[in-house]
Amino acid sequence: MITRARVEGMRSKHCITAVFTSLAAVEGIERAEVGMGWIEVLHNGRVTFLELREAVGAVGYGLVEERRLLPVVTAENG
């Protein structure tokens, strides 16, 4: 499962690093991409939006506008 969300309050590369590090501690996350004001997380489907919000909130930012998608399986990624 892929969850995309907007992150409020990010203003620098330090913010990106802090959010990424906090998400890395959430059990069930397989991959996280973090950019200025957004996250995209690939997870096992049992990770809740509340868990993501708490992880992002722990480093001082707000998580809004959740969007969940199923990953696309291709011949390349099996």
N, C-alpha and C. Protein backbone atom coordinates (compact mmCIF):
# COMPACT_ATOMS: atom_id res chain seq x y z
N MET A 1 0.85 -1.17 0.00
CA MET A 1 0.00 0.00 0.00
C MET A 1 0.90 1.23 0.00
N ILE A 2 0.48 2.24 -0.72
CA ILE A 2 1.20 3.51 -0.77
C ILE A 2 0.32 4.59 -0.15
N THR A 3 0.88 5.35 0.76
CA THR A 3 0.17 6.49 1.33
C THR A 3 0.94 7.75 0.97
N ARG A 4 0.21 8.71 0.41
CA ARG A 4 0.79 10.03 0.12
C ARG A 4 0.06 11.03 1.00
N ALA A 5 0.80 12.01 1.49
CA ALA A 5 0.19 13.04 2.33
C ALA A 5 0.98 14.33 2.24
N ARG A 6 0.31 15.40 2.55
CA ARG A 6 0.94 16.72 2.59
C ARG A 6 1.41 16.97 4.02
N VAL A 7 2.57 17.60 4.14
CA VAL A 7 3.15 17.90 5.44
C VAL A 7 3.24 19.42 5.58
N GLU A 8 2.70 19.93 6.68
CA GLU A 8 2.74 21.37 6.93
C GLU A 8 3.90 21.73 7.85
N GLY A 9 4.52 22.87 7.58
CA GLY A 9 5.54 23.41 8.47
C GLY A 9 6.97 23.16 8.04
N MET A 10 7.18 22.43 6.96
CA MET A 10 8.55 22.14 6.52
C MET A 10 9.13 23.35 5.80
N ARG A 11 10.39 23.69 6.15
CA ARG A 11 10.98 24.88 5.56
C ARG A 11 12.44 24.69 5.08
N SER A 12 13.03 23.52 5.35
CA SER A 12 14.44 23.34 5.00
C SER A 12 14.76 21.86 4.78
N LYS A 13 16.00 21.60 4.34
CA LYS A 13 16.44 20.22 4.17
C LYS A 13 16.48 19.49 5.51
N HIS A 14 16.75 20.23 6.58
CA HIS A 14 16.73 19.63 7.91
C HIS A 14 15.35 19.04 8.20
N CYS A 15 14.30 19.72 7.78
CA CYS A 15 12.94 19.23 7.98
C CYS A 15 12.74 17.89 7.28
N ILE A 16 13.22 17.80 6.05
CA ILE A 16 13.10 16.57 5.28
C ILE A 16 13.80 15.42 6.00
N THR A 17 15.00 15.66 6.48
CA THR A 17 15.77 14.64 7.19
C THR A 17 15.06 14.21 8.47
N ALA A 18 14.54 15.16 9.22
CA ALA A 18 13.86 14.86 10.48
C ALA A 18 12.62 14.00 10.24
N VAL A 19 11.82 14.34 9.23
CA VAL A 19 10.61 13.58 8.92
C VAL A 19 10.99 12.18 8.44
N PHE A 20 11.97 12.07 7.56
CA PHE A 20 12.40 10.77 7.06
C PHE A 20 12.86 9.87 8.20
N THR A 21 13.67 10.40 9.09
CA THR A 21 14.19 9.63 10.22
C THR A 21 13.07 9.16 11.13
N SER A 22 12.10 10.02 11.37
CA SER A 22 10.97 9.65 12.22
C SER A 22 10.11 8.56 11.57
N LEU A 23 9.89 8.66 10.26
CA LEU A 23 9.10 7.64 9.56
C LEU A 23 9.82 6.30 9.54
N ALA A 24 11.14 6.33 9.49
CA ALA A 24 11.93 5.09 9.44
C ALA A 24 11.71 4.24 10.68
N ALA A 25 11.28 4.84 11.77
CA ALA A 25 11.06 4.11 13.02
C ALA A 25 9.68 3.45 13.10
N VAL A 26 8.82 3.72 12.13
CA VAL A 26 7.46 3.15 12.15
C VAL A 26 7.49 1.73 11.59
N GLU A 27 7.06 0.77 12.40
CA GLU A 27 7.04 -0.63 11.97
C GLU A 27 6.04 -0.82 10.84
N GLY A 28 6.47 -1.51 9.79
CA GLY A 28 5.61 -1.78 8.65
C GLY A 28 5.90 -0.92 7.43
N ILE A 29 6.71 0.13 7.60
CA ILE A 29 7.08 0.96 6.47
C ILE A 29 8.25 0.30 5.75
N GLU A 30 8.08 0.09 4.45
CA GLU A 30 9.12 -0.53 3.63
C GLU A 30 10.00 0.51 2.95
N ARG A 31 9.42 1.65 2.59
CA ARG A 31 10.17 2.71 1.91
C ARG A 31 9.45 4.03 2.16
N ALA A 32 10.20 5.08 2.37
CA ALA A 32 9.62 6.41 2.53
C ALA A 32 10.39 7.40 1.66
N GLU A 33 9.65 8.23 0.96
CA GLU A 33 10.22 9.36 0.23
C GLU A 33 9.65 10.61 0.86
N VAL A 34 10.52 11.57 1.09
CA VAL A 34 10.10 12.81 1.74
C VAL A 34 10.63 13.97 0.93
N GLY A 35 9.77 14.91 0.63
CA GLY A 35 10.16 16.13 -0.06
C GLY A 35 9.64 17.33 0.71
N MET A 36 9.90 18.50 0.22
CA MET A 36 9.47 19.71 0.90
C MET A 36 7.94 19.79 0.88
N GLY A 37 7.34 19.42 2.00
CA GLY A 37 5.90 19.52 2.14
C GLY A 37 5.11 18.28 1.75
N TRP A 38 5.78 17.15 1.56
CA TRP A 38 5.05 15.94 1.19
C TRP A 38 5.80 14.68 1.61
N ILE A 39 5.04 13.58 1.76
CA ILE A 39 5.63 12.27 1.97
C ILE A 39 4.93 11.27 1.06
N GLU A 40 5.64 10.23 0.70
CA GLU A 40 5.07 9.07 0.02
C GLU A 40 5.68 7.85 0.69
N VAL A 41 4.82 7.01 1.26
CA VAL A 41 5.27 5.89 2.06
C VAL A 41 4.72 4.59 1.49
N LEU A 42 5.60 3.64 1.25
CA LEU A 42 5.20 2.29 0.86
C LEU A 42 5.22 1.46 2.13
N HIS A 43 4.08 0.82 2.44
CA HIS A 43 3.99 0.07 3.70
C HIS A 43 3.15 -1.18 3.53
N ASN A 44 3.07 -1.96 4.58
CA ASN A 44 2.41 -3.26 4.55
C ASN A 44 0.88 -3.19 4.55
N GLY A 45 0.30 -2.00 4.56
CA GLY A 45 -1.16 -1.85 4.56
C GLY A 45 -1.77 -1.78 5.94
N ARG A 46 -1.00 -2.10 6.96
CA ARG A 46 -1.50 -2.04 8.34
C ARG A 46 -1.06 -0.76 9.05
N VAL A 47 -0.21 0.02 8.42
CA VAL A 47 0.21 1.30 9.00
C VAL A 47 -0.95 2.28 8.84
N THR A 48 -1.36 2.89 9.94
CA THR A 48 -2.50 3.80 9.90
C THR A 48 -2.05 5.24 9.67
N PHE A 49 -3.00 6.05 9.21
CA PHE A 49 -2.71 7.47 9.04
C PHE A 49 -2.34 8.09 10.39
N LEU A 50 -2.98 7.64 11.45
CA LEU A 50 -2.67 8.15 12.79
C LEU A 50 -1.22 7.87 13.16
N GLU A 51 -0.71 6.68 12.84
CA GLU A 51 0.69 6.37 13.12
C GLU A 51 1.63 7.28 12.34
N LEU A 52 1.29 7.53 11.07
CA LEU A 52 2.10 8.44 10.27
C LEU A 52 2.03 9.86 10.82
N ARG A 53 0.83 10.29 11.20
CA ARG A 53 0.66 11.63 11.75
C ARG A 53 1.46 11.79 13.04
N GLU A 54 1.46 10.76 13.89
CA GLU A 54 2.21 10.82 15.14
C GLU A 54 3.71 10.88 14.88
N ALA A 55 4.19 10.11 13.91
CA ALA A 55 5.63 10.12 13.59
C ALA A 55 6.06 11.49 13.07
N VAL A 56 5.26 12.06 12.18
CA VAL A 56 5.58 13.38 11.63
C VAL A 56 5.43 14.45 12.71
N GLY A 57 4.39 14.32 13.54
CA GLY A 57 4.16 15.28 14.62
C GLY A 57 5.24 15.25 15.68
N ALA A 58 5.87 14.08 15.87
CA ALA A 58 6.92 13.94 16.89
C ALA A 58 8.12 14.83 16.59
N VAL A 59 8.30 15.19 15.32
CA VAL A 59 9.42 16.07 14.96
C VAL A 59 8.95 17.48 14.61
N GLY A 60 7.67 17.77 14.95
CA GLY A 60 7.19 19.15 14.89
C GLY A 60 6.42 19.58 13.65
N TYR A 61 5.92 18.63 12.86
CA TYR A 61 5.21 19.00 11.63
C TYR A 61 3.82 18.40 11.63
N GLY A 62 2.96 18.94 10.79
CA GLY A 62 1.58 18.47 10.71
C GLY A 62 1.35 17.69 9.42
N LEU A 63 0.60 16.60 9.52
CA LEU A 63 0.30 15.76 8.37
C LEU A 63 -1.17 15.93 8.00
N VAL A 64 -1.42 16.24 6.73
CA VAL A 64 -2.80 16.46 6.26
C VAL A 64 -2.98 15.80 4.89
N GLU A 65 -4.22 15.67 4.48
CA GLU A 65 -4.58 15.18 3.14
C GLU A 65 -3.99 13.84 2.77
N GLU A 66 -4.49 12.82 3.41
CA GLU A 66 -4.04 11.46 3.12
C GLU A 66 -4.63 10.96 1.80
N ARG A 67 -3.83 10.21 1.07
CA ARG A 67 -4.28 9.53 -0.14
C ARG A 67 -3.61 8.17 -0.19
N ARG A 68 -4.39 7.10 -0.21
CA ARG A 68 -3.84 5.74 -0.24
C ARG A 68 -4.05 5.13 -1.61
N LEU A 69 -3.01 4.45 -2.10
CA LEU A 69 -3.04 3.81 -3.41
C LEU A 69 -2.46 2.41 -3.30
N LEU A 70 -2.89 1.53 -4.19
CA LEU A 70 -2.26 0.22 -4.28
C LEU A 70 -1.06 0.34 -5.21
N PRO A 71 0.07 -0.28 -4.87
CA PRO A 71 1.24 -0.21 -5.75
C PRO A 71 0.98 -0.95 -7.05
N VAL A 72 1.59 -0.49 -8.11
CA VAL A 72 1.48 -1.13 -9.43
C VAL A 72 2.58 -2.16 -9.55
N VAL A 73 2.20 -3.38 -9.90
CA VAL A 73 3.17 -4.46 -10.09
C VAL A 73 3.45 -4.59 -11.58
N THR A 74 4.73 -4.54 -11.94
CA THR A 74 5.13 -4.68 -13.32
C THR A 74 6.08 -5.87 -13.44
N ALA A 75 6.43 -6.23 -14.66
CA ALA A 75 7.37 -7.31 -14.88
C ALA A 75 8.74 -6.98 -14.26
N GLU A 76 9.08 -5.69 -14.19
CA GLU A 76 10.36 -5.27 -13.67
C GLU A 76 10.46 -5.41 -12.15
N ASN A 77 9.36 -5.08 -11.43
CA ASN A 77 9.43 -5.11 -9.98
C ASN A 77 8.74 -6.34 -9.38
N GLY A 78 8.28 -7.25 -10.23
CA GLY A 78 7.80 -8.56 -9.84
C GLY A 78 6.59 -8.63 -9.05
